[in-house]
Amino acid sequence: MNFTLYFQIKHIIMETITATATTEVLNDLIMINNDRIIGYERAIKELEGNDDDLKSLFLSMIDESRQLIMTLGTEVEVQGGDIEHGTTNSGKIYRAWMDVKAVFTGHTRHAVLSNCEAGEDAAQRAYKSALEEKELPAFIKAIVLTQQQKLKASHNEIKALRDEAA
């Protein structure tokens, strides 16, 4: 048996497995950012009265997720994968729950911010899970970590506003 050929084939297989795993992780993060965009679009519609400050903040968070998606999508394409354009199943369930909750709690500033914080918590869990993936190359982990930190700052801003509105 030609050991050089064997190791070359093994290397190609391992690279393919790593690229596939990386693409799956990146697409999961793209979907959580898609959830985040839809969540903030819904939050804007739910706001009552004079909450222009929140509308502006939510629009900036939508833009933030779009930028994060562009970065993640570029890496998916580099890995040879297709970019996911959908949302997560848990995001769909969460939005349905938000609709039911809004019927009972109304669309107060506090209720909207509480729902947004729950969405930010979900994003943090998704990024934490991605960073725990052993197959993820170091440079991808660095991108994911940077994004997680940006989203953590957004989470903290939403939480602080929610606490003020209580």
Protein backbone atom coordinates (compact mmCIF):
# COMPACT_ATOMS: atom_id res chain seq x y z
CA MET A 1 0.00 0.00 0.00
CA ASN A 2 1.23 3.49 -0.84
CA PHE A 3 1.29 5.27 2.54
CA THR A 4 1.76 8.70 0.96
CA LEU A 5 -1.46 8.28 -1.01
CA TYR A 6 -3.23 6.93 2.08
CA PHE A 7 -2.25 9.99 4.15
CA GLN A 8 -3.21 12.36 1.33
CA ILE A 9 -6.66 10.79 1.08
CA LYS A 10 -7.03 10.82 4.86
CA HIS A 11 -6.04 14.52 4.92
CA ILE A 12 -8.60 15.38 2.23
CA ILE A 13 -11.34 13.50 4.11
CA MET A 14 -10.49 15.28 7.37
CA GLU A 15 -10.51 18.67 5.65
CA THR A 16 -13.92 17.89 4.14
CA ILE A 17 -15.33 16.84 7.52
CA THR A 18 -13.94 19.99 9.16
CA ALA A 19 -15.33 22.23 6.38
CA THR A 20 -18.77 20.60 6.69
CA ALA A 21 -18.81 20.97 10.48
CA THR A 22 -17.65 24.57 10.20
CA THR A 23 -20.33 25.37 7.63
CA GLU A 24 -23.01 23.87 9.88
CA VAL A 25 -21.89 25.96 12.86
CA LEU A 26 -21.69 29.14 10.79
CA ASN A 27 -25.12 28.53 9.30
CA ASP A 28 -26.56 27.98 12.79
CA LEU A 29 -25.22 31.41 13.74
CA ILE A 30 -26.62 32.91 10.54
CA MET A 31 -30.05 31.50 11.44
CA ILE A 32 -29.90 32.89 15.00
CA ASN A 33 -29.07 36.29 13.52
CA ASN A 34 -31.99 35.90 11.10
CA ASP A 35 -34.16 35.18 14.17
CA ARG A 36 -32.75 38.28 15.81
CA ILE A 37 -33.64 40.45 12.80
CA ILE A 38 -37.20 39.14 12.71
CA GLY A 39 -37.49 39.54 16.49
CA TYR A 40 -36.45 43.19 16.39
CA GLU A 41 -38.68 43.90 13.40
CA ARG A 42 -41.57 42.47 15.42
CA ALA A 43 -40.52 44.44 18.51
CA ILE A 44 -40.64 47.69 16.49
CA LYS A 45 -44.23 46.88 15.48
CA GLU A 46 -45.19 46.10 19.09
CA LEU A 47 -43.95 49.36 20.58
CA GLU A 48 -46.60 51.72 21.85
CA GLY A 49 -46.50 55.47 22.11
CA ASN A 50 -43.36 57.51 21.93
CA ASP A 51 -40.62 54.90 21.95
CA ASP A 52 -38.53 56.40 19.17
CA ASP A 53 -35.37 55.70 21.17
CA LEU A 54 -36.14 51.97 21.14
CA LYS A 55 -37.10 51.99 17.47
CA SER A 56 -33.74 53.53 16.65
CA LEU A 57 -31.91 51.04 18.88
CA PHE A 58 -33.75 48.07 17.39
CA LEU A 59 -32.97 49.26 13.86
CA SER A 60 -29.28 49.45 14.78
CA MET A 61 -29.45 45.90 16.17
CA ILE A 62 -31.06 44.70 12.95
CA ASP A 63 -28.19 46.33 11.06
CA GLU A 64 -25.71 44.72 13.46
CA SER A 65 -27.12 41.25 12.72
CA ARG A 66 -27.01 41.90 8.98
CA GLN A 67 -23.32 42.78 9.25
CA LEU A 68 -22.64 39.67 11.33
CA ILE A 69 -24.47 37.54 8.75
CA MET A 70 -22.34 39.01 5.94
CA THR A 71 -19.16 38.04 7.77
CA LEU A 72 -20.45 34.55 8.59
CA GLY A 73 -21.77 34.07 5.05
CA THR A 74 -18.40 34.94 3.54
CA GLU A 75 -16.80 32.21 5.63
CA VAL A 76 -19.50 29.70 4.64
CA GLU A 77 -18.75 30.41 0.98
CA VAL A 78 -15.00 30.06 1.58
CA GLN A 79 -15.71 26.63 3.10
CA GLY A 80 -17.60 25.73 -0.10
CA GLY A 81 -21.02 25.71 1.56
CA ASP A 82 -24.36 27.34 0.89
CA ILE A 83 -25.53 30.21 3.07
CA GLU A 84 -28.65 29.51 5.13
CA HIS A 85 -31.43 32.06 4.66
CA GLY A 86 -34.00 30.66 7.09
CA THR A 87 -34.57 30.87 10.81
CA THR A 88 -34.26 28.34 13.60
CA ASN A 89 -37.16 26.20 14.75
CA SER A 90 -36.67 27.51 18.26
CA GLY A 91 -36.89 31.05 16.87
CA LYS A 92 -40.24 30.25 15.26
CA ILE A 93 -41.49 28.79 18.53
CA TYR A 94 -40.18 31.81 20.45
CA ARG A 95 -41.99 34.24 18.13
CA ALA A 96 -45.24 32.32 18.52
CA TRP A 97 -44.78 32.45 22.29
CA MET A 98 -44.16 36.23 22.05
CA ASP A 99 -47.48 36.62 20.22
CA VAL A 100 -49.36 34.71 22.92
CA LYS A 101 -47.57 36.56 25.72
CA ALA A 102 -48.35 39.95 24.14
CA VAL A 103 -52.06 39.16 24.35
CA PHE A 104 -51.76 38.84 28.14
CA THR A 105 -49.04 41.37 28.99
CA GLY A 106 -49.69 43.99 26.33
CA HIS A 107 -47.10 45.86 24.34
CA THR A 108 -45.57 47.89 27.12
CA ARG A 109 -41.98 49.07 26.92
CA HIS A 110 -41.00 46.62 29.66
CA ALA A 111 -42.75 43.66 27.98
CA VAL A 112 -41.13 44.38 24.61
CA LEU A 113 -37.69 44.76 26.19
CA SER A 114 -38.18 41.53 28.20
CA ASN A 115 -38.96 39.66 24.99
CA CYS A 116 -35.92 41.21 23.31
CA GLU A 117 -33.70 40.18 26.22
CA ALA A 118 -34.94 36.59 25.90
CA GLY A 119 -33.94 36.69 22.24
CA GLU A 120 -30.52 38.07 23.14
CA ASP A 121 -30.14 35.25 25.69
CA ALA A 122 -30.83 32.74 22.90
CA ALA A 123 -28.18 34.37 20.70
CA GLN A 124 -25.65 34.16 23.53
CA ARG A 125 -26.40 30.45 24.00
CA ALA A 126 -25.95 29.82 20.26
CA TYR A 127 -22.61 31.60 20.19
CA LYS A 128 -21.43 29.82 23.35
CA SER A 129 -22.35 26.49 21.77
CA ALA A 130 -20.49 27.40 18.57
CA LEU A 131 -17.35 28.27 20.53
CA GLU A 132 -17.46 24.84 22.20
CA GLU A 133 -17.19 23.08 18.81
CA LYS A 134 -13.86 21.28 18.67
CA GLU A 135 -13.79 21.08 14.85
CA LEU A 136 -13.93 24.86 14.43
CA PRO A 137 -10.64 26.31 13.09
CA ALA A 138 -8.97 28.90 15.33
CA PHE A 139 -9.53 31.80 12.92
CA ILE A 140 -13.27 31.00 12.77
CA LYS A 141 -13.41 30.80 16.58
CA ALA A 142 -11.84 34.26 16.68
CA ILE A 143 -14.58 35.63 14.39
CA VAL A 144 -17.29 33.93 16.46
CA LEU A 145 -15.82 35.23 19.72
CA THR A 146 -15.68 38.80 18.39
CA GLN A 147 -19.31 38.53 17.29
CA GLN A 148 -20.35 37.05 20.62
CA GLN A 149 -18.77 40.00 22.42
CA LYS A 150 -20.63 42.49 20.20
CA LEU A 151 -23.90 40.70 20.89
CA LYS A 152 -23.13 40.58 24.62
CA ALA A 153 -22.86 44.39 24.61
CA SER A 154 -26.25 44.57 22.86
CA HIS A 155 -27.69 42.12 25.39
CA ASN A 156 -26.45 44.24 28.26
CA GLU A 157 -27.94 47.39 26.72
CA ILE A 158 -31.34 45.72 26.32
CA LYS A 159 -31.18 44.36 29.87
CA ALA A 160 -30.34 47.78 31.32
CA LEU A 161 -33.23 49.39 29.42
CA ARG A 162 -35.55 46.63 30.57
CA ASP A 163 -34.51 47.20 34.19
CA GLU A 164 -35.14 50.96 33.81
CA ALA A 165 -38.61 50.27 32.42
CA ALA A 166 -39.59 48.00 35.32
